[in-house]
Every structure is written in structure tokens, then in C-alpha cells.
Amino acid sequence: GPESFPGLTCALVSGRLLTWYGPSLV
């Protein structure tokens, strides 16, 4: 993934934290 965006800042994140609505929201 990051290799496709040279010169840009990439942030790897948990999809669960970004897209789930449930206890992970805490």
C-alpha cells in the first residue's frame, strides 16, 4: 500500500477502529 504513494505520508490504521460502531468506539 504505502509504496504506491511515494512522497506522501501514509497512516496504517485498524479498520475496526475506523469503520465499526460498537465497543471499539470507546
mmCIF file of all heavy atoms, coordinates in Angstrom:
data_MODEL
# 
_entry.id   MODEL 
# 
loop_
_atom_site.group_PDB 
_atom_site.id 
_atom_site.type_symbol 
_atom_site.label_atom_id 
_atom_site.label_alt_id 
_atom_site.label_comp_id 
_atom_site.label_asym_id 
_atom_site.label_entity_id 
_atom_site.label_seq_id 
_atom_site.pdbx_PDB_ins_code 
_atom_site.Cartn_x 
_atom_site.Cartn_y 
_atom_site.Cartn_z 
_atom_site.occupancy 
_atom_site.B_iso_or_equiv 
_atom_site.pdbx_formal_charge 
_atom_site.auth_seq_id 
_atom_site.auth_comp_id 
_atom_site.auth_asym_id 
_atom_site.auth_atom_id 
_atom_site.pdbx_PDB_model_num 
ATOM 1   N N   . GLY A 1 1  ? 0.794   -1.221 0.000  1.00 0.00 ? 1  GLY A N   1 
ATOM 2   C CA  . GLY A 1 1  ? 0.000   0.000  0.000  1.00 0.00 ? 1  GLY A CA  1 
ATOM 3   C C   . GLY A 1 1  ? 0.823   1.265  0.000  1.00 0.00 ? 1  GLY A C   1 
ATOM 4   O O   . GLY A 1 1  ? 0.750   2.068  -0.954 1.00 0.00 ? 1  GLY A O   1 
ATOM 5   N N   . PRO A 1 2  ? 1.645   1.494  1.034  1.00 0.00 ? 2  PRO A N   1 
ATOM 6   C CA  . PRO A 1 2  ? 2.409   2.754  1.096  1.00 0.00 ? 2  PRO A CA  1 
ATOM 7   C C   . PRO A 1 2  ? 3.343   2.972  -0.082 1.00 0.00 ? 2  PRO A C   1 
ATOM 8   O O   . PRO A 1 2  ? 3.581   4.127  -0.474 1.00 0.00 ? 2  PRO A O   1 
ATOM 9   C CB  . PRO A 1 2  ? 3.190   2.619  2.404  1.00 0.00 ? 2  PRO A CB  1 
ATOM 10  C CG  . PRO A 1 2  ? 2.359   1.705  3.243  1.00 0.00 ? 2  PRO A CG  1 
ATOM 11  C CD  . PRO A 1 2  ? 1.765   0.725  2.281  1.00 0.00 ? 2  PRO A CD  1 
ATOM 12  N N   . GLU A 1 3  ? 3.862   1.880  -0.677 1.00 0.00 ? 3  GLU A N   1 
ATOM 13  C CA  . GLU A 1 3  ? 4.792   2.034  -1.805 1.00 0.00 ? 3  GLU A CA  1 
ATOM 14  C C   . GLU A 1 3  ? 4.133   2.694  -3.010 1.00 0.00 ? 3  GLU A C   1 
ATOM 15  O O   . GLU A 1 3  ? 4.820   3.222  -3.895 1.00 0.00 ? 3  GLU A O   1 
ATOM 16  C CB  . GLU A 1 3  ? 5.367   0.656  -2.195 1.00 0.00 ? 3  GLU A CB  1 
ATOM 17  C CG  . GLU A 1 3  ? 4.450   -0.226 -3.021 1.00 0.00 ? 3  GLU A CG  1 
ATOM 18  C CD  . GLU A 1 3  ? 3.287   -0.814 -2.237 1.00 0.00 ? 3  GLU A CD  1 
ATOM 19  O OE1 . GLU A 1 3  ? 3.316   -0.790 -0.988 1.00 0.00 ? 3  GLU A OE1 1 
ATOM 20  O OE2 . GLU A 1 3  ? 2.327   -1.308 -2.872 1.00 0.00 ? 3  GLU A OE2 1 
ATOM 21  N N   . SER A 1 4  ? 2.804   2.693  -3.054 1.00 0.00 ? 4  SER A N   1 
ATOM 22  C CA  . SER A 1 4  ? 2.079   3.304  -4.175 1.00 0.00 ? 4  SER A CA  1 
ATOM 23  C C   . SER A 1 4  ? 1.947   4.811  -4.034 1.00 0.00 ? 4  SER A C   1 
ATOM 24  O O   . SER A 1 4  ? 1.492   5.480  -4.962 1.00 0.00 ? 4  SER A O   1 
ATOM 25  C CB  . SER A 1 4  ? 0.684   2.675  -4.297 1.00 0.00 ? 4  SER A CB  1 
ATOM 26  O OG  . SER A 1 4  ? 0.767   1.295  -4.568 1.00 0.00 ? 4  SER A OG  1 
ATOM 27  N N   . PHE A 1 5  ? 2.350   5.348  -2.880 1.00 0.00 ? 5  PHE A N   1 
ATOM 28  C CA  . PHE A 1 5  ? 2.180   6.774  -2.620 1.00 0.00 ? 5  PHE A CA  1 
ATOM 29  C C   . PHE A 1 5  ? 3.506   7.413  -2.202 1.00 0.00 ? 5  PHE A C   1 
ATOM 30  O O   . PHE A 1 5  ? 3.623   7.970  -1.101 1.00 0.00 ? 5  PHE A O   1 
ATOM 31  C CB  . PHE A 1 5  ? 1.113   6.978  -1.539 1.00 0.00 ? 5  PHE A CB  1 
ATOM 32  C CG  . PHE A 1 5  ? -0.226  6.405  -1.892 1.00 0.00 ? 5  PHE A CG  1 
ATOM 33  C CD1 . PHE A 1 5  ? -0.575  5.120  -1.488 1.00 0.00 ? 5  PHE A CD1 1 
ATOM 34  C CD2 . PHE A 1 5  ? -1.128  7.123  -2.662 1.00 0.00 ? 5  PHE A CD2 1 
ATOM 35  C CE1 . PHE A 1 5  ? -1.802  4.572  -1.822 1.00 0.00 ? 5  PHE A CE1 1 
ATOM 36  C CE2 . PHE A 1 5  ? -2.361  6.597  -3.010 1.00 0.00 ? 5  PHE A CE2 1 
ATOM 37  C CZ  . PHE A 1 5  ? -2.695  5.309  -2.589 1.00 0.00 ? 5  PHE A CZ  1 
ATOM 38  N N   . PRO A 1 6  ? 4.512   7.345  -3.068 1.00 0.00 ? 6  PRO A N   1 
ATOM 39  C CA  . PRO A 1 6  ? 5.817   7.916  -2.714 1.00 0.00 ? 6  PRO A CA  1 
ATOM 40  C C   . PRO A 1 6  ? 5.714   9.418  -2.467 1.00 0.00 ? 6  PRO A C   1 
ATOM 41  O O   . PRO A 1 6  ? 5.017   10.135 -3.183 1.00 0.00 ? 6  PRO A O   1 
ATOM 42  C CB  . PRO A 1 6  ? 6.680   7.604  -3.937 1.00 0.00 ? 6  PRO A CB  1 
ATOM 43  C CG  . PRO A 1 6  ? 5.700   7.415  -5.065 1.00 0.00 ? 6  PRO A CG  1 
ATOM 44  C CD  . PRO A 1 6  ? 4.495   6.809  -4.447 1.00 0.00 ? 6  PRO A CD  1 
ATOM 45  N N   . GLY A 1 7  ? 6.398   9.859  -1.436 1.00 0.00 ? 7  GLY A N   1 
ATOM 46  C CA  . GLY A 1 7  ? 6.386   11.278 -1.109 1.00 0.00 ? 7  GLY A CA  1 
ATOM 47  C C   . GLY A 1 7  ? 5.198   11.729 -0.294 1.00 0.00 ? 7  GLY A C   1 
ATOM 48  O O   . GLY A 1 7  ? 5.135   12.893 0.107  1.00 0.00 ? 7  GLY A O   1 
ATOM 49  N N   . LEU A 1 8  ? 4.252   10.823 -0.039 1.00 0.00 ? 8  LEU A N   1 
ATOM 50  C CA  . LEU A 1 8  ? 3.086   11.162 0.764  1.00 0.00 ? 8  LEU A CA  1 
ATOM 51  C C   . LEU A 1 8  ? 3.152   10.439 2.112  1.00 0.00 ? 8  LEU A C   1 
ATOM 52  O O   . LEU A 1 8  ? 3.711   9.353  2.214  1.00 0.00 ? 8  LEU A O   1 
ATOM 53  C CB  . LEU A 1 8  ? 1.790   10.774 0.030  1.00 0.00 ? 8  LEU A CB  1 
ATOM 54  C CG  . LEU A 1 8  ? 1.512   11.493 -1.284 1.00 0.00 ? 8  LEU A CG  1 
ATOM 55  C CD1 . LEU A 1 8  ? 0.236   10.959 -1.909 1.00 0.00 ? 8  LEU A CD1 1 
ATOM 56  C CD2 . LEU A 1 8  ? 1.397   13.006 -1.055 1.00 0.00 ? 8  LEU A CD2 1 
ATOM 57  N N   . THR A 1 9  ? 2.571   11.053 3.115  1.00 0.00 ? 9  THR A N   1 
ATOM 58  C CA  . THR A 1 9  ? 2.541   10.450 4.446  1.00 0.00 ? 9  THR A CA  1 
ATOM 59  C C   . THR A 1 9  ? 1.417   9.434  4.521  1.00 0.00 ? 9  THR A C   1 
ATOM 60  O O   . THR A 1 9  ? 0.245   9.778  4.282  1.00 0.00 ? 9  THR A O   1 
ATOM 61  C CB  . THR A 1 9  ? 2.342   11.519 5.533  1.00 0.00 ? 9  THR A CB  1 
ATOM 62  O OG1 . THR A 1 9  ? 3.411   12.461 5.460  1.00 0.00 ? 9  THR A OG1 1 
ATOM 63  C CG2 . THR A 1 9  ? 2.304   10.890 6.920  1.00 0.00 ? 9  THR A CG2 1 
ATOM 64  N N   . CYS A 1 10 ? 1.750   8.194  4.827  1.00 0.00 ? 10 CYS A N   1 
ATOM 65  C CA  . CYS A 1 10 ? 0.758   7.123  4.928  1.00 0.00 ? 10 CYS A CA  1 
ATOM 66  C C   . CYS A 1 10 ? 0.567   6.733  6.388  1.00 0.00 ? 10 CYS A C   1 
ATOM 67  O O   . CYS A 1 10 ? 1.522   6.656  7.158  1.00 0.00 ? 10 CYS A O   1 
ATOM 68  C CB  . CYS A 1 10 ? 1.191   5.901  4.124  1.00 0.00 ? 10 CYS A CB  1 
ATOM 69  S SG  . CYS A 1 10 ? 1.215   6.178  2.338  1.00 0.00 ? 10 CYS A SG  1 
ATOM 70  N N   . ALA A 1 11 ? -0.671  6.493  6.762  1.00 0.00 ? 11 ALA A N   1 
ATOM 71  C CA  . ALA A 1 11 ? -1.001  6.060  8.118  1.00 0.00 ? 11 ALA A CA  1 
ATOM 72  C C   . ALA A 1 11 ? -1.744  4.742  8.031  1.00 0.00 ? 11 ALA A C   1 
ATOM 73  O O   . ALA A 1 11 ? -2.832  4.669  7.450  1.00 0.00 ? 11 ALA A O   1 
ATOM 74  C CB  . ALA A 1 11 ? -1.854  7.105  8.825  1.00 0.00 ? 11 ALA A CB  1 
ATOM 75  N N   . LEU A 1 12 ? -1.160  3.684  8.572  1.00 0.00 ? 12 LEU A N   1 
ATOM 76  C CA  . LEU A 1 12 ? -1.803  2.383  8.643  1.00 0.00 ? 12 LEU A CA  1 
ATOM 77  C C   . LEU A 1 12 ? -2.678  2.344  9.894  1.00 0.00 ? 12 LEU A C   1 
ATOM 78  O O   . LEU A 1 12 ? -2.201  2.606  11.003 1.00 0.00 ? 12 LEU A O   1 
ATOM 79  C CB  . LEU A 1 12 ? -0.764  1.269  8.684  1.00 0.00 ? 12 LEU A CB  1 
ATOM 80  C CG  . LEU A 1 12 ? 0.102   1.136  7.431  1.00 0.00 ? 12 LEU A CG  1 
ATOM 81  C CD1 . LEU A 1 12 ? 1.325   0.267  7.697  1.00 0.00 ? 12 LEU A CD1 1 
ATOM 82  C CD2 . LEU A 1 12 ? -0.716  0.552  6.282  1.00 0.00 ? 12 LEU A CD2 1 
ATOM 83  N N   . VAL A 1 13 ? -3.950  2.036  9.710  1.00 0.00 ? 13 VAL A N   1 
ATOM 84  C CA  . VAL A 1 13 ? -4.882  2.065  10.842 1.00 0.00 ? 13 VAL A CA  1 
ATOM 85  C C   . VAL A 1 13 ? -5.709  0.787  10.877 1.00 0.00 ? 13 VAL A C   1 
ATOM 86  O O   . VAL A 1 13 ? -5.860  0.090  9.867  1.00 0.00 ? 13 VAL A O   1 
ATOM 87  C CB  . VAL A 1 13 ? -5.828  3.289  10.778 1.00 0.00 ? 13 VAL A CB  1 
ATOM 88  C CG1 . VAL A 1 13 ? -5.045  4.595  10.751 1.00 0.00 ? 13 VAL A CG1 1 
ATOM 89  C CG2 . VAL A 1 13 ? -6.753  3.196  9.572  1.00 0.00 ? 13 VAL A CG2 1 
ATOM 90  N N   . SER A 1 14 ? -6.243  0.493  12.028 1.00 0.00 ? 14 SER A N   1 
ATOM 91  C CA  . SER A 1 14 ? -7.161  -0.632 12.188 1.00 0.00 ? 14 SER A CA  1 
ATOM 92  C C   . SER A 1 14 ? -8.503  -0.309 11.548 1.00 0.00 ? 14 SER A C   1 
ATOM 93  O O   . SER A 1 14 ? -9.135  0.701  11.877 1.00 0.00 ? 14 SER A O   1 
ATOM 94  C CB  . SER A 1 14 ? -7.359  -0.925 13.681 1.00 0.00 ? 14 SER A CB  1 
ATOM 95  O OG  . SER A 1 14 ? -8.508  -1.720 13.893 1.00 0.00 ? 14 SER A OG  1 
ATOM 96  N N   . GLY A 1 15 ? -8.940  -1.165 10.631 1.00 0.00 ? 15 GLY A N   1 
ATOM 97  C CA  . GLY A 1 15 ? -10.247 -0.962 10.015 1.00 0.00 ? 15 GLY A CA  1 
ATOM 98  C C   . GLY A 1 15 ? -11.362 -1.035 11.029 1.00 0.00 ? 15 GLY A C   1 
ATOM 99  O O   . GLY A 1 15 ? -12.383 -0.343 10.901 1.00 0.00 ? 15 GLY A O   1 
ATOM 100 N N   . ARG A 1 16 ? -11.191 -1.865 12.043 1.00 0.00 ? 16 ARG A N   1 
ATOM 101 C CA  . ARG A 1 16 ? -12.214 -1.978 13.090 1.00 0.00 ? 16 ARG A CA  1 
ATOM 102 C C   . ARG A 1 16 ? -12.393 -0.649 13.813 1.00 0.00 ? 16 ARG A C   1 
ATOM 103 O O   . ARG A 1 16 ? -13.517 -0.233 14.100 1.00 0.00 ? 16 ARG A O   1 
ATOM 104 C CB  . ARG A 1 16 ? -11.825 -3.083 14.059 1.00 0.00 ? 16 ARG A CB  1 
ATOM 105 C CG  . ARG A 1 16 ? -12.766 -3.261 15.247 1.00 0.00 ? 16 ARG A CG  1 
ATOM 106 C CD  . ARG A 1 16 ? -12.450 -4.551 15.998 1.00 0.00 ? 16 ARG A CD  1 
ATOM 107 N NE  . ARG A 1 16 ? -13.080 -4.594 17.290 1.00 0.00 ? 16 ARG A NE  1 
ATOM 108 C CZ  . ARG A 1 16 ? -12.502 -4.225 18.431 1.00 0.00 ? 16 ARG A CZ  1 
ATOM 109 N NH1 . ARG A 1 16 ? -11.246 -3.782 18.402 1.00 0.00 ? 16 ARG A NH1 1 
ATOM 110 N NH2 . ARG A 1 16 ? -13.150 -4.286 19.574 1.00 0.00 ? 16 ARG A NH2 1 
ATOM 111 N N   . LEU A 1 17 ? -11.308 0.040  14.105 1.00 0.00 ? 17 LEU A N   1 
ATOM 112 C CA  . LEU A 1 17 ? -11.412 1.329  14.792 1.00 0.00 ? 17 LEU A CA  1 
ATOM 113 C C   . LEU A 1 17 ? -12.028 2.394  13.890 1.00 0.00 ? 17 LEU A C   1 
ATOM 114 O O   . LEU A 1 17 ? -12.685 3.318  14.373 1.00 0.00 ? 17 LEU A O   1 
ATOM 115 C CB  . LEU A 1 17 ? -10.026 1.794  15.248 1.00 0.00 ? 17 LEU A CB  1 
ATOM 116 C CG  . LEU A 1 17 ? -9.311  0.921  16.279 1.00 0.00 ? 17 LEU A CG  1 
ATOM 117 C CD1 . LEU A 1 17 ? -7.914  1.460  16.532 1.00 0.00 ? 17 LEU A CD1 1 
ATOM 118 C CD2 . LEU A 1 17 ? -10.106 0.846  17.578 1.00 0.00 ? 17 LEU A CD2 1 
ATOM 119 N N   . LEU A 1 18 ? -11.830 2.249  12.593 1.00 0.00 ? 18 LEU A N   1 
ATOM 120 C CA  . LEU A 1 18 ? -12.260 3.276  11.640 1.00 0.00 ? 18 LEU A CA  1 
ATOM 121 C C   . LEU A 1 18 ? -13.678 3.054  11.129 1.00 0.00 ? 18 LEU A C   1 
ATOM 122 O O   . LEU A 1 18 ? -14.354 4.010  10.745 1.00 0.00 ? 18 LEU A O   1 
ATOM 123 C CB  . LEU A 1 18 ? -11.284 3.298  10.462 1.00 0.00 ? 18 LEU A CB  1 
ATOM 124 C CG  . LEU A 1 18 ? -11.315 4.490  9.512  1.00 0.00 ? 18 LEU A CG  1 
ATOM 125 C CD1 . LEU A 1 18 ? -11.005 5.783  10.247 1.00 0.00 ? 18 LEU A CD1 1 
ATOM 126 C CD2 . LEU A 1 18 ? -10.323 4.270  8.371  1.00 0.00 ? 18 LEU A CD2 1 
ATOM 127 N N   . THR A 1 19 ? -14.147 1.810  11.123 1.00 0.00 ? 19 THR A N   1 
ATOM 128 C CA  . THR A 1 19 ? -15.419 1.521  10.449 1.00 0.00 ? 19 THR A CA  1 
ATOM 129 C C   . THR A 1 19 ? -16.457 0.817  11.309 1.00 0.00 ? 19 THR A C   1 
ATOM 130 O O   . THR A 1 19 ? -17.619 0.740  10.920 1.00 0.00 ? 19 THR A O   1 
ATOM 131 C CB  . THR A 1 19 ? -15.180 0.654  9.197  1.00 0.00 ? 19 THR A CB  1 
ATOM 132 O OG1 . THR A 1 19 ? -14.686 -0.640 9.600  1.00 0.00 ? 19 THR A OG1 1 
ATOM 133 C CG2 . THR A 1 19 ? -14.176 1.300  8.254  1.00 0.00 ? 19 THR A CG2 1 
ATOM 134 N N   . TRP A 1 20 ? -16.058 0.298  12.475 1.00 0.00 ? 20 TRP A N   1 
ATOM 135 C CA  . TRP A 1 20 ? -17.026 -0.433 13.298 1.00 0.00 ? 20 TRP A CA  1 
ATOM 136 C C   . TRP A 1 20 ? -17.711 0.510  14.279 1.00 0.00 ? 20 TRP A C   1 
ATOM 137 O O   . TRP A 1 20 ? -17.079 1.389  14.865 1.00 0.00 ? 20 TRP A O   1 
ATOM 138 C CB  . TRP A 1 20 ? -16.334 -1.543 14.085 1.00 0.00 ? 20 TRP A CB  1 
ATOM 139 C CG  . TRP A 1 20 ? -15.909 -2.717 13.261 1.00 0.00 ? 20 TRP A CG  1 
ATOM 140 C CD1 . TRP A 1 20 ? -15.424 -2.704 11.990 1.00 0.00 ? 20 TRP A CD1 1 
ATOM 141 C CD2 . TRP A 1 20 ? -15.913 -4.091 13.669 1.00 0.00 ? 20 TRP A CD2 1 
ATOM 142 N NE1 . TRP A 1 20 ? -15.130 -3.983 11.581 1.00 0.00 ? 20 TRP A NE1 1 
ATOM 143 C CE2 . TRP A 1 20 ? -15.413 -4.856 12.589 1.00 0.00 ? 20 TRP A CE2 1 
ATOM 144 C CE3 . TRP A 1 20 ? -16.272 -4.751 14.844 1.00 0.00 ? 20 TRP A CE3 1 
ATOM 145 C CZ2 . TRP A 1 20 ? -15.283 -6.242 12.642 1.00 0.00 ? 20 TRP A CZ2 1 
ATOM 146 C CZ3 . TRP A 1 20 ? -16.142 -6.135 14.907 1.00 0.00 ? 20 TRP A CZ3 1 
ATOM 147 C CH2 . TRP A 1 20 ? -15.660 -6.871 13.822 1.00 0.00 ? 20 TRP A CH2 1 
ATOM 148 N N   . TYR A 1 21 ? -19.002 0.298  14.495 1.00 0.00 ? 21 TYR A N   1 
ATOM 149 C CA  . TYR A 1 21 ? -19.747 1.040  15.511 1.00 0.00 ? 21 TYR A CA  1 
ATOM 150 C C   . TYR A 1 21 ? -20.182 0.031  16.569 1.00 0.00 ? 21 TYR A C   1 
ATOM 151 O O   . TYR A 1 21 ? -21.038 -0.816 16.374 1.00 0.00 ? 21 TYR A O   1 
ATOM 152 C CB  . TYR A 1 21 ? -20.952 1.758  14.897 1.00 0.00 ? 21 TYR A CB  1 
ATOM 153 C CG  . TYR A 1 21 ? -21.540 1.082  13.682 1.00 0.00 ? 21 TYR A CG  1 
ATOM 154 C CD1 . TYR A 1 21 ? -22.466 0.054  13.808 1.00 0.00 ? 21 TYR A CD1 1 
ATOM 155 C CD2 . TYR A 1 21 ? -21.143 1.452  12.403 1.00 0.00 ? 21 TYR A CD2 1 
ATOM 156 C CE1 . TYR A 1 21 ? -22.987 -0.585 12.695 1.00 0.00 ? 21 TYR A CE1 1 
ATOM 157 C CE2 . TYR A 1 21 ? -21.663 0.822  11.283 1.00 0.00 ? 21 TYR A CE2 1 
ATOM 158 C CZ  . TYR A 1 21 ? -22.588 -0.202 11.444 1.00 0.00 ? 21 TYR A CZ  1 
ATOM 159 O OH  . TYR A 1 21 ? -23.098 -0.838 10.342 1.00 0.00 ? 21 TYR A OH  1 
ATOM 160 N N   . GLY A 1 22 ? -19.487 0.105  17.710 1.00 0.00 ? 22 GLY A N   1 
ATOM 161 C CA  . GLY A 1 22 ? -19.714 -0.825 18.804 1.00 0.00 ? 22 GLY A CA  1 
ATOM 162 C C   . GLY A 1 22 ? -18.758 -0.511 19.926 1.00 0.00 ? 22 GLY A C   1 
ATOM 163 O O   . GLY A 1 22 ? -18.302 0.636  20.075 1.00 0.00 ? 22 GLY A O   1 
ATOM 164 N N   . PRO A 1 23 ? -18.409 -1.487 20.759 1.00 0.00 ? 23 PRO A N   1 
ATOM 165 C CA  . PRO A 1 23 ? -17.500 -1.246 21.880 1.00 0.00 ? 23 PRO A CA  1 
ATOM 166 C C   . PRO A 1 23 ? -16.155 -0.658 21.471 1.00 0.00 ? 23 PRO A C   1 
ATOM 167 O O   . PRO A 1 23 ? -15.514 0.024  22.278 1.00 0.00 ? 23 PRO A O   1 
ATOM 168 C CB  . PRO A 1 23 ? -17.321 -2.644 22.492 1.00 0.00 ? 23 PRO A CB  1 
ATOM 169 C CG  . PRO A 1 23 ? -18.561 -3.380 22.109 1.00 0.00 ? 23 PRO A CG  1 
ATOM 170 C CD  . PRO A 1 23 ? -18.919 -2.879 20.757 1.00 0.00 ? 23 PRO A CD  1 
ATOM 171 N N   . SER A 1 24 ? -15.733 -0.904 20.229 1.00 0.00 ? 24 SER A N   1 
ATOM 172 C CA  . SER A 1 24 ? -14.453 -0.344 19.774 1.00 0.00 ? 24 SER A CA  1 
ATOM 173 C C   . SER A 1 24 ? -14.464 1.177  19.764 1.00 0.00 ? 24 SER A C   1 
ATOM 174 O O   . SER A 1 24 ? -13.400 1.815  19.785 1.00 0.00 ? 24 SER A O   1 
ATOM 175 C CB  . SER A 1 24 ? -14.120 -0.861 18.371 1.00 0.00 ? 24 SER A CB  1 
ATOM 176 O OG  . SER A 1 24 ? -15.139 -0.521 17.445 1.00 0.00 ? 24 SER A OG  1 
ATOM 177 N N   . LEU A 1 25 ? -15.648 1.791  19.758 1.00 0.00 ? 25 LEU A N   1 
ATOM 178 C CA  . LEU A 1 25 ? -15.740 3.248  19.755 1.00 0.00 ? 25 LEU A CA  1 
ATOM 179 C C   . LEU A 1 25 ? -15.190 3.874  21.033 1.00 0.00 ? 25 LEU A C   1 
ATOM 180 O O   . LEU A 1 25 ? -14.823 5.050  21.045 1.00 0.00 ? 25 LEU A O   1 
ATOM 181 C CB  . LEU A 1 25 ? -17.199 3.686  19.570 1.00 0.00 ? 25 LEU A CB  1 
ATOM 182 C CG  . LEU A 1 25 ? -17.799 3.513  18.176 1.00 0.00 ? 25 LEU A CG  1 
ATOM 183 C CD1 . LEU A 1 25 ? -19.289 3.810  18.203 1.00 0.00 ? 25 LEU A CD1 1 
ATOM 184 C CD2 . LEU A 1 25 ? -17.087 4.414  17.170 1.00 0.00 ? 25 LEU A CD2 1 
ATOM 185 N N   . VAL A 1 26 ? -15.124 3.085  22.103 1.00 0.00 ? 26 VAL A N   1 
ATOM 186 C CA  . VAL A 1 26 ? -14.624 3.634  23.374 1.00 0.00 ? 26 VAL A CA  1 
ATOM 187 C C   . VAL A 1 26 ? -13.153 4.018  23.253 1.00 0.00 ? 26 VAL A C   1 
ATOM 188 O O   . VAL A 1 26 ? -12.735 5.102  23.674 1.00 0.00 ? 26 VAL A O   1 
ATOM 189 C CB  . VAL A 1 26 ? -14.826 2.617  24.515 1.00 0.00 ? 26 VAL A CB  1 
ATOM 190 C CG1 . VAL A 1 26 ? -14.236 3.166  25.817 1.00 0.00 ? 26 VAL A CG1 1 
ATOM 191 C CG2 . VAL A 1 26 ? -16.312 2.296  24.691 1.00 0.00 ? 26 VAL A CG2 1 
# 
